[in-house]
């Protein structure tokens, strides 16, 4: 199984505070949840312990929304929540 990023997801990574490696790890090892339109959601929490937009956070949760592309996964967007 290969995990790839759609150009939309890749362009959103930096502005939302995630890395490509974190997004891929979320699909490979995160918990799954159902989302609309037959897509799949994957969720994983990572230690952060850094500043994001001027505020310190200890953790970040990444949600990757993906679709099946044959045997592979294609991440179409990434959502990041800091806490």
PDB file of N, CA and C in Angstrom:
ATOM      1  N   UNK A   1       0.848  -1.182   0.000  1.00  0.00           N
ATOM      2  CA  UNK A   1       0.000   0.000   0.000  1.00  0.00           C
ATOM      3  C   UNK A   1       0.891   1.242   0.000  1.00  0.00           C
ATOM      4  N   UNK A   2       0.587   2.145  -0.896  1.00  0.00           N
ATOM      5  CA  UNK A   2       1.285   3.419  -0.978  1.00  0.00           C
ATOM      6  C   UNK A   2       0.302   4.517  -0.599  1.00  0.00           C
ATOM      7  N   UNK A   3       0.806   5.531   0.079  1.00  0.00           N
ATOM      8  CA  UNK A   3      -0.009   6.694   0.422  1.00  0.00           C
ATOM      9  C   UNK A   3       0.558   7.887  -0.338  1.00  0.00           C
ATOM     10  N   UNK A   4      -0.300   8.536  -1.133  1.00  0.00           N
ATOM     11  CA  UNK A   4       0.118   9.701  -1.911  1.00  0.00           C
ATOM     12  C   UNK A   4      -0.708  10.910  -1.493  1.00  0.00           C
ATOM     13  N   UNK A   5      -0.205  12.099  -1.795  1.00  0.00           N
ATOM     14  CA  UNK A   5      -0.917  13.330  -1.472  1.00  0.00           C
ATOM     15  C   UNK A   5      -1.375  14.019  -2.752  1.00  0.00           C
ATOM     16  N   UNK A   6      -2.635  14.378  -2.788  1.00  0.00           N
ATOM     17  CA  UNK A   6      -3.185  15.189  -3.864  1.00  0.00           C
ATOM     18  C   UNK A   6      -2.522  16.566  -3.779  1.00  0.00           C
ATOM     19  N   UNK A   7      -2.362  17.273  -4.892  1.00  0.00           N
ATOM     20  CA  UNK A   7      -1.763  18.617  -4.835  1.00  0.00           C
ATOM     21  C   UNK A   7      -2.462  19.555  -3.852  1.00  0.00           C
ATOM     22  N   UNK A   8      -3.781  19.437  -3.722  1.00  0.00           N
ATOM     23  CA  UNK A   8      -4.506  20.272  -2.745  1.00  0.00           C
ATOM     24  C   UNK A   8      -4.013  19.985  -1.328  1.00  0.00           C
ATOM     25  N   UNK A   9      -3.912  18.714  -0.970  1.00  0.00           N
ATOM     26  CA  UNK A   9      -3.456  18.348   0.375  1.00  0.00           C
ATOM     27  C   UNK A   9      -2.028  18.817   0.596  1.00  0.00           C
ATOM     28  N   UNK A  10      -1.167  18.641  -0.387  1.00  0.00           N
ATOM     29  CA  UNK A  10       0.238  19.047  -0.269  1.00  0.00           C
ATOM     30  C   UNK A  10       0.346  20.559  -0.043  1.00  0.00           C
ATOM     31  N   UNK A  11      -0.473  21.346  -0.731  1.00  0.00           N
ATOM     32  CA  UNK A  11      -0.413  22.804  -0.580  1.00  0.00           C
ATOM     33  C   UNK A  11      -0.947  23.265   0.770  1.00  0.00           C
ATOM     34  N   UNK A  12      -1.787  22.475   1.405  1.00  0.00           N
ATOM     35  CA  UNK A  12      -2.359  22.849   2.695  1.00  0.00           C
ATOM     36  C   UNK A  12      -1.491  22.454   3.889  1.00  0.00           C
ATOM     37  N   UNK A  13      -0.558  21.545   3.696  1.00  0.00           N
ATOM     38  CA  UNK A  13       0.245  21.048   4.812  1.00  0.00           C
ATOM     39  C   UNK A  13       0.927  22.174   5.583  1.00  0.00           C
ATOM     40  N   UNK A  14       1.686  23.013   4.904  1.00  0.00           N
ATOM     41  CA  UNK A  14       2.464  24.052   5.577  1.00  0.00           C
ATOM     42  C   UNK A  14       1.559  25.071   6.247  1.00  0.00           C
ATOM     43  N   UNK A  15       0.526  25.525   5.539  1.00  0.00           N
ATOM     44  CA  UNK A  15      -0.344  26.549   6.130  1.00  0.00           C
ATOM     45  C   UNK A  15      -1.150  26.027   7.312  1.00  0.00           C
ATOM     46  N   UNK A  16      -1.300  24.707   7.418  1.00  0.00           N
ATOM     47  CA  UNK A  16      -2.061  24.136   8.526  1.00  0.00           C
ATOM     48  C   UNK A  16      -1.183  23.525   9.605  1.00  0.00           C
ATOM     49  N   UNK A  17       0.131  23.495   9.386  1.00  0.00           N
ATOM     50  CA  UNK A  17       1.044  23.063  10.436  1.00  0.00           C
ATOM     51  C   UNK A  17       1.361  21.588  10.494  1.00  0.00           C
ATOM     52  N   UNK A  18       1.304  20.899   9.368  1.00  0.00           N
ATOM     53  CA  UNK A  18       1.617  19.469   9.336  1.00  0.00           C
ATOM     54  C   UNK A  18       2.748  19.219   8.343  1.00  0.00           C
ATOM     55  N   UNK A  19       3.346  18.052   8.450  1.00  0.00           N
ATOM     56  CA  UNK A  19       4.360  17.645   7.482  1.00  0.00           C
ATOM     57  C   UNK A  19       3.811  16.505   6.636  1.00  0.00           C
ATOM     58  N   UNK A  20       4.456  16.269   5.512  1.00  0.00           N
ATOM     59  CA  UNK A  20       4.043  15.161   4.654  1.00  0.00           C
ATOM     60  C   UNK A  20       4.191  13.836   5.388  1.00  0.00           C
ATOM     61  N   UNK A  21       5.273  13.691   6.144  1.00  0.00           N
ATOM     62  CA  UNK A  21       5.504  12.450   6.897  1.00  0.00           C
ATOM     63  C   UNK A  21       4.403  12.211   7.932  1.00  0.00           C
ATOM     64  N   UNK A  22       3.951  13.279   8.602  1.00  0.00           N
ATOM     65  CA  UNK A  22       2.873  13.131   9.584  1.00  0.00           C
ATOM     66  C   UNK A  22       1.560  12.731   8.910  1.00  0.00           C
ATOM     67  N   UNK A  23       1.272  13.316   7.761  1.00  0.00           N
ATOM     68  CA  UNK A  23       0.040  12.975   7.051  1.00  0.00           C
ATOM     69  C   UNK A  23       0.054  11.513   6.615  1.00  0.00           C
ATOM     70  N   UNK A  24       1.183  11.060   6.099  1.00  0.00           N
ATOM     71  CA  UNK A  24       1.290   9.670   5.666  1.00  0.00           C
ATOM     72  C   UNK A  24       1.199   8.730   6.861  1.00  0.00           C
ATOM     73  N   UNK A  25       1.873   9.066   7.960  1.00  0.00           N
ATOM     74  CA  UNK A  25       1.812   8.235   9.167  1.00  0.00           C
ATOM     75  C   UNK A  25       0.394   8.169   9.723  1.00  0.00           C
ATOM     76  N   UNK A  26      -0.359   9.246   9.568  1.00  0.00           N
ATOM     77  CA  UNK A  26      -1.747   9.261  10.036  1.00  0.00           C
ATOM     78  C   UNK A  26      -2.581   8.231   9.277  1.00  0.00           C
ATOM     79  N   UNK A  27      -2.398   8.152   7.977  1.00  0.00           N
ATOM     80  CA  UNK A  27      -3.142   7.160   7.181  1.00  0.00           C
ATOM     81  C   UNK A  27      -2.647   5.750   7.491  1.00  0.00           C
ATOM     82  N   UNK A  28      -1.358   5.584   7.626  1.00  0.00           N
ATOM     83  CA  UNK A  28      -0.801   4.254   7.853  1.00  0.00           C
ATOM     84  C   UNK A  28      -1.091   3.705   9.246  1.00  0.00           C
ATOM     85  N   UNK A  29      -1.126   4.578  10.270  1.00  0.00           N
ATOM     86  CA  UNK A  29      -1.213   4.098  11.648  1.00  0.00           C
ATOM     87  C   UNK A  29      -2.316   4.743  12.482  1.00  0.00           C
ATOM     88  N   UNK A  30      -3.097   5.636  11.899  1.00  0.00           N
ATOM     89  CA  UNK A  30      -4.131   6.319  12.666  1.00  0.00           C
ATOM     90  C   UNK A  30      -5.407   5.512  12.778  1.00  0.00           C
ATOM     91  N   UNK A  31      -6.331   6.038  13.566  1.00  0.00           N
ATOM     92  CA  UNK A  31      -7.651   5.409  13.667  1.00  0.00           C
ATOM     93  C   UNK A  31      -8.528   5.941  12.539  1.00  0.00           C
ATOM     94  N   UNK A  32      -9.449   5.118  12.085  1.00  0.00           N
ATOM     95  CA  UNK A  32     -10.295   5.509  10.959  1.00  0.00           C
ATOM     96  C   UNK A  32     -11.659   5.984  11.451  1.00  0.00           C
ATOM     97  N   UNK A  33     -12.269   6.834  10.656  1.00  0.00           N
ATOM     98  CA  UNK A  33     -13.634   7.268  10.917  1.00  0.00           C
ATOM     99  C   UNK A  33     -14.306   7.570   9.579  1.00  0.00           C
ATOM    100  N   UNK A  34     -15.609   7.484   9.556  1.00  0.00           N
ATOM    101  CA  UNK A  34     -16.370   7.702   8.325  1.00  0.00           C
ATOM    102  C   UNK A  34     -16.540   9.183   8.055  1.00  0.00           C
ATOM    103  N   UNK A  35     -16.467   9.545   6.793  1.00  0.00           N
ATOM    104  CA  UNK A  35     -16.747  10.918   6.366  1.00  0.00           C
ATOM    105  C   UNK A  35     -17.680  10.866   5.161  1.00  0.00           C
ATOM    106  N   UNK A  36     -18.121  12.006   4.688  1.00  0.00           N
ATOM    107  CA  UNK A  36     -19.088  12.084   3.591  1.00  0.00           C
ATOM    108  C   UNK A  36     -18.513  11.616   2.257  1.00  0.00           C
ATOM    109  N   UNK A  37     -19.396  11.333   1.358  1.00  0.00           N
ATOM    110  CA  UNK A  37     -19.098  11.050  -0.041  1.00  0.00           C
ATOM    111  C   UNK A  37     -18.213   9.819  -0.239  1.00  0.00           C
ATOM    112  N   UNK A  38     -18.321   8.840   0.655  1.00  0.00           N
ATOM    113  CA  UNK A  38     -17.568   7.605   0.504  1.00  0.00           C
ATOM    114  C   UNK A  38     -16.091   7.721   0.782  1.00  0.00           C
ATOM    115  N   UNK A  39     -15.677   8.798   1.404  1.00  0.00           N
ATOM    116  CA  UNK A  39     -14.272   8.999   1.736  1.00  0.00           C
ATOM    117  C   UNK A  39     -13.985   8.400   3.100  1.00  0.00           C
ATOM    118  N   UNK A  40     -12.724   8.276   3.421  1.00  0.00           N
ATOM    119  CA  UNK A  40     -12.303   7.754   4.716  1.00  0.00           C
ATOM    120  C   UNK A  40     -11.493   8.809   5.453  1.00  0.00           C
ATOM    121  N   UNK A  41     -11.717   8.887   6.754  1.00  0.00           N
ATOM    122  CA  UNK A  41     -10.937   9.786   7.584  1.00  0.00           C
ATOM    123  C   UNK A  41      -9.981   8.978   8.451  1.00  0.00           C
ATOM    124  N   UNK A  42      -8.819   9.541   8.671  1.00  0.00           N
ATOM    125  CA  UNK A  42      -7.809   8.934   9.535  1.00  0.00           C
ATOM    126  C   UNK A  42      -7.385  10.002  10.536  1.00  0.00           C
ATOM    127  N   UNK A  43      -7.231   9.597  11.793  1.00  0.00           N
ATOM    128  CA  UNK A  43      -6.932  10.553  12.857  1.00  0.00           C
ATOM    129  C   UNK A  43      -5.762  10.031  13.684  1.00  0.00           C
ATOM    130  N   UNK A  44      -4.834  10.929  14.008  1.00  0.00           N
ATOM    131  CA  UNK A  44      -3.701  10.551  14.854  1.00  0.00           C
ATOM    132  C   UNK A  44      -3.209  11.790  15.582  1.00  0.00           C
ATOM    133  N   UNK A  45      -2.805  11.608  16.847  1.00  0.00           N
ATOM    134  CA  UNK A  45      -2.284  12.696  17.661  1.00  0.00           C
ATOM    135  C   UNK A  45      -0.773  12.561  17.775  1.00  0.00           C
ATOM    136  N   UNK A  46      -0.086  13.687  17.613  1.00  0.00           N
ATOM    137  CA  UNK A  46       1.369  13.739  17.674  1.00  0.00           C
ATOM    138  C   UNK A  46       1.808  14.698  18.776  1.00  0.00           C
ATOM    139  N   UNK A  47       2.926  14.413  19.453  1.00  0.00           N
ATOM    140  CA  UNK A  47       3.480  15.403  20.374  1.00  0.00           C
ATOM    141  C   UNK A  47       3.970  16.595  19.569  1.00  0.00           C
ATOM    142  N   UNK A  48       3.812  17.796  20.108  1.00  0.00           N
ATOM    143  CA  UNK A  48       4.218  19.006  19.375  1.00  0.00           C
ATOM    144  C   UNK A  48       5.215  19.828  20.185  1.00  0.00           C
ATOM    145  N   UNK A  49       4.823  20.278  21.372  1.00  0.00           N
ATOM    146  CA  UNK A  49       5.702  21.033  22.270  1.00  0.00           C
ATOM    147  C   UNK A  49       6.467  22.153  21.572  1.00  0.00           C
ATOM    148  N   UNK A  50       5.711  23.029  20.907  1.00  0.00           N
ATOM    149  CA  UNK A  50       6.322  24.131  20.181  1.00  0.00           C
ATOM    150  C   UNK A  50       5.296  25.247  20.017  1.00  0.00           C
ATOM    151  N   UNK A  51       5.716  26.312  19.337  1.00  0.00           N
ATOM    152  CA  UNK A  51       4.825  27.429  19.074  1.00  0.00           C
ATOM    153  C   UNK A  51       4.146  27.258  17.732  1.00  0.00           C
ATOM    154  N   UNK A  52       2.869  27.606  17.689  1.00  0.00           N
ATOM    155  CA  UNK A  52       2.133  27.677  16.441  1.00  0.00           C
ATOM    156  C   UNK A  52       1.356  28.983  16.459  1.00  0.00           C
ATOM    157  N   UNK A  53       1.708  29.870  15.547  1.00  0.00           N
ATOM    158  CA  UNK A  53       1.084  31.192  15.446  1.00  0.00           C
ATOM    159  C   UNK A  53       1.102  31.942  16.773  1.00  0.00           C
ATOM    160  N   UNK A  54       2.267  31.898  17.424  1.00  0.00           N
ATOM    161  CA  UNK A  54       2.487  32.675  18.633  1.00  0.00           C
ATOM    162  C   UNK A  54       2.002  32.062  19.926  1.00  0.00           C
ATOM    163  N   UNK A  55       1.479  30.881  19.895  1.00  0.00           N
ATOM    164  CA  UNK A  55       0.981  30.235  21.103  1.00  0.00           C
ATOM    165  C   UNK A  55       1.598  28.846  21.224  1.00  0.00           C
ATOM    166  N   UNK A  56       1.928  28.465  22.448  1.00  0.00           N
ATOM    167  CA  UNK A  56       2.569  27.173  22.689  1.00  0.00           C
ATOM    168  C   UNK A  56       1.516  26.076  22.850  1.00  0.00           C
ATOM    169  N   UNK A  57       1.751  24.959  22.170  1.00  0.00           N
ATOM    170  CA  UNK A  57       0.873  23.791  22.255  1.00  0.00           C
ATOM    171  C   UNK A  57       1.723  22.554  22.524  1.00  0.00           C
ATOM    172  N   UNK A  58       1.155  21.606  23.238  1.00  0.00           N
ATOM    173  CA  UNK A  58       1.897  20.390  23.541  1.00  0.00           C
ATOM    174  C   UNK A  58       1.568  19.247  22.580  1.00  0.00           C
ATOM    175  N   UNK A  59       0.404  19.294  21.939  1.00  0.00           N
ATOM    176  CA  UNK A  59      -0.018  18.204  21.055  1.00  0.00           C
ATOM    177  C   UNK A  59      -0.664  18.787  19.799  1.00  0.00           C
ATOM    178  N   UNK A  60      -0.696  17.968  18.750  1.00  0.00           N
ATOM    179  CA  UNK A  60      -1.481  18.316  17.576  1.00  0.00           C
ATOM    180  C   UNK A  60      -2.136  17.057  17.034  1.00  0.00           C
ATOM    181  N   UNK A  61      -3.397  17.209  16.626  1.00  0.00           N
ATOM    182  CA  UNK A  61      -4.155  16.101  16.055  1.00  0.00           C
ATOM    183  C   UNK A  61      -4.275  16.350  14.557  1.00  0.00           C
ATOM    184  N   UNK A  62      -3.911  15.349  13.795  1.00  0.00           N
ATOM    185  CA  UNK A  62      -4.008  15.447  12.343  1.00  0.00           C
ATOM    186  C   UNK A  62      -5.128  14.545  11.867  1.00  0.00           C
ATOM    187  N   UNK A  63      -5.972  15.099  11.022  1.00  0.00           N
ATOM    188  CA  UNK A  63      -7.015  14.328  10.359  1.00  0.00           C
ATOM    189  C   UNK A  63      -6.732  14.380   8.871  1.00  0.00           C
ATOM    190  N   UNK A  64      -6.553  13.223   8.277  1.00  0.00           N
ATOM    191  CA  UNK A  64      -6.317  13.125   6.844  1.00  0.00           C
ATOM    192  C   UNK A  64      -7.550  12.499   6.206  1.00  0.00           C
ATOM    193  N   UNK A  65      -8.104  13.174   5.206  1.00  0.00           N
ATOM    194  CA  UNK A  65      -9.250  12.655   4.478  1.00  0.00           C
ATOM    195  C   UNK A  65      -8.708  12.059   3.180  1.00  0.00           C
ATOM    196  N   UNK A  66      -9.033  10.790   2.945  1.00  0.00           N
ATOM    197  CA  UNK A  66      -8.442  10.077   1.815  1.00  0.00           C
ATOM    198  C   UNK A  66      -9.467   9.230   1.083  1.00  0.00           C
ATOM    199  N   UNK A  67      -9.117   8.878  -0.140  1.00  0.00           N
ATOM    200  CA  UNK A  67      -9.926   7.972  -0.954  1.00  0.00           C
ATOM    201  C   UNK A  67      -9.032   6.846  -1.453  1.00  0.00           C
ATOM    202  N   UNK A  68      -9.641   5.722  -1.715  1.00  0.00           N
ATOM    203  CA  UNK A  68      -8.916   4.580  -2.277  1.00  0.00           C
ATOM    204  C   UNK A  68      -8.598   4.872  -3.739  1.00  0.00           C
ATOM    205  N   UNK A  69      -7.392   4.532  -4.139  1.00  0.00           N
ATOM    206  CA  UNK A  69      -6.955   4.642  -5.524  1.00  0.00           C
ATOM    207  C   UNK A  69      -6.319   3.306  -5.873  1.00  0.00           C
ATOM    208  N   UNK A  70      -7.158   2.338  -6.250  1.00  0.00           N
ATOM    209  CA  UNK A  70      -6.684   0.967  -6.427  1.00  0.00           C
ATOM    210  C   UNK A  70      -6.348   0.392  -5.066  1.00  0.00           C
ATOM    211  N   UNK A  71      -5.136  -0.064  -4.883  1.00  0.00           N
ATOM    212  CA  UNK A  71      -4.668  -0.580  -3.593  1.00  0.00           C
ATOM    213  C   UNK A  71      -4.078   0.520  -2.720  1.00  0.00           C
ATOM    214  N   UNK A  72      -3.936   1.717  -3.255  1.00  0.00           N
ATOM    215  CA  UNK A  72      -3.282   2.822  -2.558  1.00  0.00           C
ATOM    216  C   UNK A  72      -4.298   3.774  -1.943  1.00  0.00           C
ATOM    217  N   UNK A  73      -3.796   4.710  -1.144  1.00  0.00           N
ATOM    218  CA  UNK A  73      -4.608   5.782  -0.580  1.00  0.00           C
ATOM    219  C   UNK A  73      -4.141   7.104  -1.170  1.00  0.00           C
ATOM    220  N   UNK A  74      -5.092   7.969  -1.491  1.00  0.00           N
ATOM    221  CA  UNK A  74      -4.804   9.312  -1.966  1.00  0.00           C
ATOM    222  C   UNK A  74      -5.387  10.284  -0.945  1.00  0.00           C
ATOM    223  N   UNK A  75      -4.513  11.004  -0.261  1.00  0.00           N
ATOM    224  CA  UNK A  75      -4.956  12.003   0.722  1.00  0.00           C
ATOM    225  C   UNK A  75      -5.419  13.222  -0.048  1.00  0.00           C
ATOM    226  N   UNK A  76      -6.669  13.648   0.189  1.00  0.00           N
ATOM    227  CA  UNK A  76      -7.201  14.795  -0.550  1.00  0.00           C
ATOM    228  C   UNK A  76      -7.195  16.083   0.267  1.00  0.00           C
ATOM    229  N   UNK A  77      -7.185  15.987   1.588  1.00  0.00           N
ATOM    230  CA  UNK A  77      -7.014  17.169   2.416  1.00  0.00           C
ATOM    231  C   UNK A  77      -6.537  16.759   3.802  1.00  0.00           C
ATOM    232  N   UNK A  78      -5.967  17.721   4.514  1.00  0.00           N
ATOM    233  CA  UNK A  78      -5.433  17.505   5.850  1.00  0.00           C
ATOM    234  C   UNK A  78      -5.928  18.613   6.762  1.00  0.00           C
ATOM    235  N   UNK A  79      -6.408  18.226   7.935  1.00  0.00           N
ATOM    236  CA  UNK A  79      -6.883  19.183   8.942  1.00  0.00           C
ATOM    237  C   UNK A  79      -6.028  18.992  10.190  1.00  0.00           C
ATOM    238  N   UNK A  80      -5.570  20.098  10.779  1.00  0.00           N
ATOM    239  CA  UNK A  80      -4.715  20.017  11.958  1.00  0.00           C
ATOM    240  C   UNK A  80      -5.363  20.806  13.087  1.00  0.00           C
ATOM    241  N   UNK A  81      -5.389  20.197  14.287  1.00  0.00           N
ATOM    242  CA  UNK A  81      -5.924  20.848  15.486  1.00  0.00           C
ATOM    243  C   UNK A  81      -4.842  20.823  16.553  1.00  0.00           C
ATOM    244  N   UNK A  82      -4.516  21.991  17.083  1.00  0.00           N
ATOM    245  CA  UNK A  82      -3.499  22.109  18.130  1.00  0.00           C
ATOM    246  C   UNK A  82      -4.172  22.224  19.478  1.00  0.00           C
ATOM    247  N   UNK A  83      -3.586  21.591  20.485  1.00  0.00           N
ATOM    248  CA  UNK A  83      -4.110  21.701  21.854  1.00  0.00           C
ATOM    249  C   UNK A  83      -3.010  21.460  22.846  1.00  0.00           C
TER     250      UNK A  83
END
